[in-house]
Amino acid sequence: MPIRDSHHYIQGVRHEKIAFDGTAVRYTPRCDLGDVNEDGHIDVVDLLTLADACGTTFGNAAYDPLCDFNGDNFIDVVDLLALAGNWGL
């Protein structure tokens, strides 16, 4: 059976990489908080995306779960600080 990869959103954790090959599940936590567009770089594109969603909460049309790095359903300065802490990676 081929390995299937998928992204799962878990409360309090931005992304988890799960791979299932039919007999085992491999789990790899992602450590790239701030990489909103998942291009491998934390840069101005990510910052602008977060800025658009800043101040929104779950259920708001502008809320972007990829910007909610701490999983509290509110995009705020805590999420901005997570991005800033990894800036340039």
C-alpha atoms as a PDB file:
ATOM      1  CA  MET A   1       0.000   0.000   0.000  1.00  0.00           C
ATOM      2  CA  PRO A   2       1.482   3.418  -0.891  1.00  0.00           C
ATOM      3  CA  ILE A   3       2.196   5.961   1.795  1.00  0.00           C
ATOM      4  CA  ARG A   4      -0.387   8.719   1.975  1.00  0.00           C
ATOM      5  CA  ASP A   5       0.525  12.086   3.464  1.00  0.00           C
ATOM      6  CA  SER A   6      -1.971  14.547   4.809  1.00  0.00           C
ATOM      7  CA  HIS A   7      -2.081  17.680   6.919  1.00  0.00           C
ATOM      8  CA  HIS A   8      -4.138  17.700  10.072  1.00  0.00           C
ATOM      9  CA  TYR A   9      -5.050  20.703  12.170  1.00  0.00           C
ATOM     10  CA  ILE A  10      -4.906  19.992  15.875  1.00  0.00           C
ATOM     11  CA  GLN A  11      -5.905  22.472  18.578  1.00  0.00           C
ATOM     12  CA  GLY A  12      -2.788  24.196  19.864  1.00  0.00           C
ATOM     13  CA  VAL A  13      -0.523  22.868  17.129  1.00  0.00           C
ATOM     14  CA  ARG A  14      -0.325  24.429  13.705  1.00  0.00           C
ATOM     15  CA  HIS A  15       0.498  21.445  11.540  1.00  0.00           C
ATOM     16  CA  GLU A  16       1.301  17.852  12.009  1.00  0.00           C
ATOM     17  CA  LYS A  17       2.664  15.694   9.218  1.00  0.00           C
ATOM     18  CA  ILE A  18       1.016  12.298   9.316  1.00  0.00           C
ATOM     19  CA  ALA A  19       2.016   9.462   6.998  1.00  0.00           C
ATOM     20  CA  PHE A  20       0.153   6.149   6.990  1.00  0.00           C
ATOM     21  CA  ASP A  21       1.435   3.165   5.048  1.00  0.00           C
ATOM     22  CA  GLY A  22      -1.296   0.703   6.046  1.00  0.00           C
ATOM     23  CA  THR A  23       0.554  -0.712   9.035  1.00  0.00           C
ATOM     24  CA  ALA A  24       2.148   2.242  10.815  1.00  0.00           C
ATOM     25  CA  VAL A  25       1.643   5.943  11.345  1.00  0.00           C
ATOM     26  CA  ARG A  26       4.660   8.213  11.237  1.00  0.00           C
ATOM     27  CA  TYR A  27       4.276  11.523  13.028  1.00  0.00           C
ATOM     28  CA  THR A  28       6.513  14.527  12.364  1.00  0.00           C
ATOM     29  CA  PRO A  29       5.733  17.833  14.108  1.00  0.00           C
ATOM     30  CA  ARG A  30       6.268  20.918  11.989  1.00  0.00           C
ATOM     31  CA  CYS A  31       8.511  23.617  13.452  1.00  0.00           C
ATOM     32  CA  ASP A  32       7.935  26.310  10.853  1.00  0.00           C
ATOM     33  CA  LEU A  33       5.531  28.594  12.686  1.00  0.00           C
ATOM     34  CA  GLY A  34       5.102  31.673  10.583  1.00  0.00           C
ATOM     35  CA  ASP A  35       5.318  30.017   7.172  1.00  0.00           C
ATOM     36  CA  VAL A  36       1.685  30.717   6.290  1.00  0.00           C
ATOM     37  CA  ASN A  37       1.980  29.901   2.582  1.00  0.00           C
ATOM     38  CA  GLU A  38       4.194  26.865   3.266  1.00  0.00           C
ATOM     39  CA  ASP A  39       6.873  27.843   0.759  1.00  0.00           C
ATOM     40  CA  GLY A  40       9.701  27.024   3.170  1.00  0.00           C
ATOM     41  CA  HIS A  41      10.457  30.671   4.003  1.00  0.00           C
ATOM     42  CA  ILE A  42       9.076  33.002   6.626  1.00  0.00           C
ATOM     43  CA  ASP A  43       8.977  36.340   4.889  1.00  0.00           C
ATOM     44  CA  VAL A  44       6.940  39.404   3.978  1.00  0.00           C
ATOM     45  CA  VAL A  45       4.352  37.334   2.083  1.00  0.00           C
ATOM     46  CA  ASP A  46       3.566  35.469   5.305  1.00  0.00           C
ATOM     47  CA  LEU A  47       3.510  38.712   7.283  1.00  0.00           C
ATOM     48  CA  LEU A  48       1.066  40.352   4.866  1.00  0.00           C
ATOM     49  CA  THR A  49      -1.222  37.328   4.977  1.00  0.00           C
ATOM     50  CA  LEU A  50      -1.207  37.422   8.770  1.00  0.00           C
ATOM     51  CA  ALA A  51      -1.827  41.178   8.726  1.00  0.00           C
ATOM     52  CA  ASP A  52      -4.964  40.647   6.625  1.00  0.00           C
ATOM     53  CA  ALA A  53      -6.286  38.160   9.169  1.00  0.00           C
ATOM     54  CA  CYS A  54      -5.111  39.963  12.321  1.00  0.00           C
ATOM     55  CA  GLY A  55      -7.900  40.674  14.787  1.00  0.00           C
ATOM     56  CA  THR A  56     -10.199  37.984  13.425  1.00  0.00           C
ATOM     57  CA  THR A  57     -11.656  35.020  15.246  1.00  0.00           C
ATOM     58  CA  PHE A  58     -12.906  31.620  14.194  1.00  0.00           C
ATOM     59  CA  GLY A  59     -16.143  32.053  12.265  1.00  0.00           C
ATOM     60  CA  ASN A  60     -15.166  35.440  10.819  1.00  0.00           C
ATOM     61  CA  ALA A  61     -14.930  35.432   7.013  1.00  0.00           C
ATOM     62  CA  ALA A  62     -11.372  36.853   7.142  1.00  0.00           C
ATOM     63  CA  TYR A  63     -10.163  34.308   9.719  1.00  0.00           C
ATOM     64  CA  ASP A  64      -7.340  32.171   8.304  1.00  0.00           C
ATOM     65  CA  PRO A  65      -6.541  29.080  10.396  1.00  0.00           C
ATOM     66  CA  LEU A  66      -3.048  28.959   8.861  1.00  0.00           C
ATOM     67  CA  CYS A  67      -2.309  32.250  10.656  1.00  0.00           C
ATOM     68  CA  ASP A  68      -3.544  31.004  14.033  1.00  0.00           C
ATOM     69  CA  PHE A  69      -0.231  29.502  15.110  1.00  0.00           C
ATOM     70  CA  ASN A  70      -1.199  28.848  18.726  1.00  0.00           C
ATOM     71  CA  GLY A  71      -4.626  27.434  17.863  1.00  0.00           C
ATOM     72  CA  ASP A  72      -6.630  29.699  20.159  1.00  0.00           C
ATOM     73  CA  ASN A  73      -9.122  30.616  17.382  1.00  0.00           C
ATOM     74  CA  PHE A  74      -8.002  34.263  17.511  1.00  0.00           C
ATOM     75  CA  ILE A  75      -5.346  35.841  15.303  1.00  0.00           C
ATOM     76  CA  ASP A  76      -3.492  38.406  17.366  1.00  0.00           C
ATOM     77  CA  VAL A  77      -0.114  39.653  18.550  1.00  0.00           C
ATOM     78  CA  VAL A  78       0.765  36.205  19.934  1.00  0.00           C
ATOM     79  CA  ASP A  79       0.602  34.813  16.406  1.00  0.00           C
ATOM     80  CA  LEU A  80       2.572  37.797  15.094  1.00  0.00           C
ATOM     81  CA  LEU A  81       5.302  37.164  17.672  1.00  0.00           C
ATOM     82  CA  ALA A  82       5.506  33.507  16.593  1.00  0.00           C
ATOM     83  CA  LEU A  83       6.042  34.646  13.011  1.00  0.00           C
ATOM     84  CA  ALA A  84       8.561  37.301  14.047  1.00  0.00           C
ATOM     85  CA  GLY A  85      10.496  34.781  16.141  1.00  0.00           C
ATOM     86  CA  ASN A  86      11.110  32.668  13.040  1.00  0.00           C
ATOM     87  CA  TRP A  87      11.525  35.544  10.565  1.00  0.00           C
ATOM     88  CA  GLY A  88      13.995  34.812   7.791  1.00  0.00           C
ATOM     89  CA  LEU A  89      14.083  31.042   8.287  1.00  0.00           C
END
